[in-house]
C-alpha atoms as a PDB file:
ATOM      1  CA  MET A   1      -0.464  -0.302   0.270  1.00  0.00           C
ATOM      2  CA  ASN A   2       1.451   2.937  -1.015  1.00  0.00           C
ATOM      3  CA  ARG A   3       1.037   5.960   1.573  1.00  0.00           C
ATOM      4  CA  VAL A   4       1.516  10.010   0.542  1.00  0.00           C
ATOM      5  CA  ARG A   5       3.636  11.693   2.805  1.00  0.00           C
ATOM      6  CA  PRO A   6       4.000  15.623   3.248  1.00  0.00           C
ATOM      7  CA  SER A   7       7.386  16.428   2.327  1.00  0.00           C
ATOM      8  CA  ALA A   8       9.487  18.186   5.741  1.00  0.00           C
ATOM      9  CA  TRP A   9       9.388  20.957   3.012  1.00  0.00           C
ATOM     10  CA  GLY A  10       5.856  21.407   2.480  1.00  0.00           C
ATOM     11  CA  LEU A  11       5.125  21.617   6.491  1.00  0.00           C
ATOM     12  CA  ALA A  12       7.386  24.158   7.029  1.00  0.00           C
ATOM     13  CA  LEU A  13       6.523  26.212   4.010  1.00  0.00           C
ATOM     14  CA  CYS A  14       3.004  25.894   5.868  1.00  0.00           C
ATOM     15  CA  ILE A  15       3.704  26.657   9.472  1.00  0.00           C
ATOM     16  CA  ALA A  16       5.752  29.740   7.925  1.00  0.00           C
ATOM     17  CA  ALA A  17       2.775  31.322   6.244  1.00  0.00           C
ATOM     18  CA  ILE A  18       0.474  31.031   9.314  1.00  0.00           C
ATOM     19  CA  PRO A  19       1.194  34.252  10.945  1.00  0.00           C
ATOM     20  CA  LEU A  20       1.723  35.843   7.645  1.00  0.00           C
ATOM     21  CA  LEU A  21      -1.921  34.923   7.543  1.00  0.00           C
ATOM     22  CA  PHE A  22      -2.594  35.678  10.878  1.00  0.00           C
ATOM     23  CA  ALA A  23      -1.249  39.546  10.449  1.00  0.00           C
ATOM     24  CA  GLN A  24      -3.502  40.559   7.231  1.00  0.00           C
ATOM     25  CA  ALA A  25      -6.379  38.988   8.582  1.00  0.00           C
ATOM     26  CA  ASN A  26      -6.052  41.868  11.619  1.00  0.00           C
ATOM     27  CA  ALA A  27      -4.510  44.569   9.661  1.00  0.00           C
ATOM     28  CA  GLN A  28      -6.630  48.029  10.184  1.00  0.00           C
ATOM     29  CA  VAL A  29      -7.511  48.719   6.525  1.00  0.00           C
ATOM     30  CA  SER A  30      -7.122  52.857   5.794  1.00  0.00           C
ATOM     31  CA  PRO A  31      -8.591  54.571   3.266  1.00  0.00           C
ATOM     32  CA  SER A  32      -7.009  53.825  -0.309  1.00  0.00           C
ATOM     33  CA  PRO A  33      -6.358  56.947  -2.261  1.00  0.00           C
ATOM     34  CA  ALA A  34      -9.004  55.061  -4.958  1.00  0.00           C
ATOM     35  CA  THR A  35     -11.857  55.418  -2.471  1.00  0.00           C
ATOM     36  CA  ALA A  36     -11.482  59.082  -1.213  1.00  0.00           C
ATOM     37  CA  PRO A  37     -12.966  61.614  -4.227  1.00  0.00           C
ATOM     38  CA  ALA A  38     -10.962  64.127  -6.166  1.00  0.00           C
ATOM     39  CA  VAL A  39     -10.820  67.560  -5.505  1.00  0.00           C
ATOM     40  CA  GLN A  40     -13.081  69.956  -7.967  1.00  0.00           C
ATOM     41  CA  GLN A  41     -12.856  73.128  -8.780  1.00  0.00           C
ATOM     42  CA  SER A  42     -15.744  75.559  -9.380  1.00  0.00           C
ATOM     43  CA  PRO A  43     -15.295  77.933 -12.243  1.00  0.00           C
ATOM     44  CA  ALA A  44     -15.343  80.986  -9.182  1.00  0.00           C
ATOM     45  CA  GLY A  45     -12.364  79.065  -7.486  1.00  0.00           C
ATOM     46  CA  THR A  46     -13.635  76.965  -4.279  1.00  0.00           C
ATOM     47  CA  GLU A  47     -12.338  73.960  -3.946  1.00  0.00           C
ATOM     48  CA  TYR A  48     -13.999  71.005  -2.547  1.00  0.00           C
ATOM     49  CA  LEU A  49     -14.567  67.231  -2.004  1.00  0.00           C
ATOM     50  CA  ASN A  50     -18.273  65.427  -2.880  1.00  0.00           C
ATOM     51  CA  GLY A  51     -19.163  62.223  -1.480  1.00  0.00           C
ATOM     52  CA  GLY A  52     -19.211  60.446   1.819  1.00  0.00           C
ATOM     53  CA  GLY A  53     -21.077  57.257   0.401  1.00  0.00           C
ATOM     54  CA  GLY A  54     -19.564  54.699   1.787  1.00  0.00           C
ATOM     55  CA  ASP A  55     -17.689  54.522   4.501  1.00  0.00           C
ATOM     56  CA  GLU A  56     -13.886  53.894   3.123  1.00  0.00           C
ATOM     57  CA  GLU A  57     -15.301  57.035   1.695  1.00  0.00           C
ATOM     58  CA  ARG A  58     -16.171  59.075   4.527  1.00  0.00           C
ATOM     59  CA  ALA A  59     -13.472  57.933   5.974  1.00  0.00           C
ATOM     60  CA  ALA A  60     -11.068  59.245   3.258  1.00  0.00           C
ATOM     61  CA  MET A  61     -12.760  62.478   3.384  1.00  0.00           C
ATOM     62  CA  ALA A  62     -12.853  63.141   7.784  1.00  0.00           C
ATOM     63  CA  ALA A  63      -8.868  62.437   7.277  1.00  0.00           C
ATOM     64  CA  ARG A  64      -8.330  65.877   4.604  1.00  0.00           C
ATOM     65  CA  GLN A  65     -10.958  67.635   7.592  1.00  0.00           C
ATOM     66  CA  ARG A  66      -7.933  70.298   7.955  1.00  0.00           C
ATOM     67  CA  GLU A  67      -7.794  70.977   4.168  1.00  0.00           C
ATOM     68  CA  PHE A  68     -11.668  71.559   4.146  1.00  0.00           C
ATOM     69  CA  PRO A  69     -12.808  73.447   7.312  1.00  0.00           C
ATOM     70  CA  PHE A  70     -16.612  73.379   6.359  1.00  0.00           C
ATOM     71  CA  LYS A  71     -18.958  70.617   5.931  1.00  0.00           C
ATOM     72  CA  VAL A  72     -22.509  69.923   5.250  1.00  0.00           C
ATOM     73  CA  VAL A  73     -24.321  66.847   5.754  1.00  0.00           C
ATOM     74  CA  MET A  74     -27.288  65.865   3.953  1.00  0.00           C
ATOM     75  CA  SER A  75     -30.135  63.704   5.531  1.00  0.00           C
ATOM     76  CA  GLY A  76     -33.328  63.070   4.797  1.00  0.00           C
ATOM     77  CA  ALA A  77     -36.189  63.371   8.001  1.00  0.00           C
ATOM     78  CA  GLY A  78     -35.428  60.455   9.187  1.00  0.00           C
ATOM     79  CA  GLY A  79     -31.890  60.594   9.329  1.00  0.00           C
ATOM     80  CA  GLU A  80     -30.269  58.599   6.544  1.00  0.00           C
ATOM     81  CA  PHE A  81     -27.738  60.306   4.539  1.00  0.00           C
ATOM     82  CA  VAL A  82     -29.373  61.540   0.908  1.00  0.00           C
ATOM     83  CA  VAL A  83     -27.798  63.112  -2.106  1.00  0.00           C
ATOM     84  CA  ALA A  84     -29.462  66.739  -2.981  1.00  0.00           C
ATOM     85  CA  ASP A  85     -30.477  67.140  -6.645  1.00  0.00           C
ATOM     86  CA  LYS A  86     -28.350  70.534  -6.311  1.00  0.00           C
ATOM     87  CA  LEU A  87     -26.221  72.172  -3.938  1.00  0.00           C
ATOM     88  CA  SER A  88     -25.355  75.695  -4.230  1.00  0.00           C
ATOM     89  CA  VAL A  89     -23.190  78.215  -2.141  1.00  0.00           C
ATOM     90  CA  SER A  90     -23.180  81.673  -2.760  1.00  0.00           C
ATOM     91  CA  THR A  91     -22.203  85.740  -1.308  1.00  0.00           C
ATOM     92  CA  PRO A  92     -23.635  88.749  -1.727  1.00  0.00           C
ATOM     93  CA  GLN A  93     -21.429  89.149  -4.795  1.00  0.00           C
ATOM     94  CA  GLY A  94     -22.743  86.044  -6.866  1.00  0.00           C
ATOM     95  CA  GLU A  95     -22.467  82.282  -7.186  1.00  0.00           C
ATOM     96  CA  LEU A  96     -19.834  80.588  -5.582  1.00  0.00           C
ATOM     97  CA  LEU A  97     -20.212  76.813  -6.218  1.00  0.00           C
ATOM     98  CA  ALA A  98     -23.470  75.024  -7.953  1.00  0.00           C
ATOM     99  CA  ILE A  99     -23.018  71.479  -7.399  1.00  0.00           C
ATOM    100  CA  ARG A 100     -25.024  69.189  -9.192  1.00  0.00           C
ATOM    101  CA  ASP A 101     -25.361  65.059  -7.102  1.00  0.00           C
ATOM    102  CA  ALA A 102     -24.249  66.438  -3.988  1.00  0.00           C
ATOM    103  CA  GLY A 103     -23.181  64.518  -0.994  1.00  0.00           C
ATOM    104  CA  PRO A 104     -24.017  63.450   1.247  1.00  0.00           C
ATOM    105  CA  ILE A 105     -20.866  65.359   2.668  1.00  0.00           C
ATOM    106  CA  VAL A 106     -19.743  68.042   0.961  1.00  0.00           C
ATOM    107  CA  MET A 107     -16.316  70.196   2.258  1.00  0.00           C
ATOM    108  CA  ILE A 108     -15.991  73.562   1.134  1.00  0.00           C
ATOM    109  CA  LYS A 109     -12.440  75.415   1.332  1.00  0.00           C
ATOM    110  CA  LEU A 110     -14.431  79.194   2.765  1.00  0.00           C
ATOM    111  CA  ALA A 111     -12.952  81.789   4.213  1.00  0.00           C
ATOM    112  CA  PRO A 112     -14.310  83.307   7.439  1.00  0.00           C
ATOM    113  CA  GLY A 113     -17.644  85.342   5.865  1.00  0.00           C
ATOM    114  CA  GLN A 114     -21.528  85.510   5.748  1.00  0.00           C
ATOM    115  CA  TYR A 115     -22.551  82.344   2.950  1.00  0.00           C
ATOM    116  CA  THR A 116     -26.358  81.456   1.520  1.00  0.00           C
ATOM    117  CA  LEU A 117     -26.576  77.497   0.689  1.00  0.00           C
ATOM    118  CA  GLU A 118     -29.388  76.648  -1.388  1.00  0.00           C
ATOM    119  CA  ALA A 119     -29.973  72.808  -1.203  1.00  0.00           C
ATOM    120  CA  THR A 120     -33.071  71.235  -3.583  1.00  0.00           C
ATOM    121  CA  TRP A 121     -33.717  67.315  -3.185  1.00  0.00           C
ATOM    122  CA  HIS A 122     -37.014  66.018  -4.670  1.00  0.00           C
ATOM    123  CA  GLY A 123     -38.330  68.793  -6.045  1.00  0.00           C
ATOM    124  CA  LYS A 124     -37.949  71.021  -2.501  1.00  0.00           C
ATOM    125  CA  THR A 125     -35.942  73.465  -2.470  1.00  0.00           C
ATOM    126  CA  GLU A 126     -34.490  75.004   0.841  1.00  0.00           C
ATOM    127  CA  ARG A 127     -32.236  77.962   1.733  1.00  0.00           C
ATOM    128  CA  ARG A 128     -29.967  78.148   4.982  1.00  0.00           C
ATOM    129  CA  SER A 129     -28.033  81.027   6.222  1.00  0.00           C
ATOM    130  CA  VAL A 130     -24.109  80.598   7.473  1.00  0.00           C
ATOM    131  CA  ARG A 131     -21.677  82.538   8.979  1.00  0.00           C
ATOM    132  CA  LEU A 132     -17.933  80.473   9.024  1.00  0.00           C
ATOM    133  CA  ALA A 133     -15.721  81.898  12.241  1.00  0.00           C
ATOM    134  CA  SER A 134     -12.266  80.656  10.877  1.00  0.00           C
ATOM    135  CA  SER A 135     -12.225  77.595  12.898  1.00  0.00           C
ATOM    136  CA  ALA A 136     -14.187  74.152  11.446  1.00  0.00           C
ATOM    137  CA  GLN A 137     -17.890  73.981  11.138  1.00  0.00           C
ATOM    138  CA  THR A 138     -20.642  71.749  10.174  1.00  0.00           C
ATOM    139  CA  LEU A 139     -23.919  71.990   9.373  1.00  0.00           C
ATOM    140  CA  GLU A 140     -26.218  69.220   9.801  1.00  0.00           C
ATOM    141  CA  TRP A 141     -28.728  69.762   7.153  1.00  0.00           C
ATOM    142  CA  ARG A 142     -31.775  67.764   6.946  1.00  0.00           C
ATOM    143  CA  LEU A 143     -33.606  68.170   3.911  1.00  0.00           C
ATOM    144  CA  PRO A 144     -37.832  67.333   3.617  1.00  0.00           C
ATOM    145  CA  GLY A 145     -39.056  65.165   1.551  1.00  0.00           C
END
């Protein structure tokens, strides 16, 4: 009767691979650049990030919070994240930014000052006035739906 015996080298390779498998299983997954939304710029020169639909994308955006001190988080009446049909940001001098399919998170580089934001979702438009200070601010915006 022939018996198959594993070679000593094969057994050694299997044993050596075990720590690598555990290390990979326990590794923290950091957001990769591929999951981060690209920095975009409006015709008026305002830079912004738009996205946050998934956990990895939200983590990637949060890592850039210092670069984009004003954050708008849009949700529906039940608290679920929503993507607005349009989000615009303007000053008395004119529109700085207009984003189609905005959100659920939009992070914007804005100087301290007074701004008017307008969001449209499911055919309803809401307007908010915000005064930005020099510190980071977040607007949690529940849109009617």
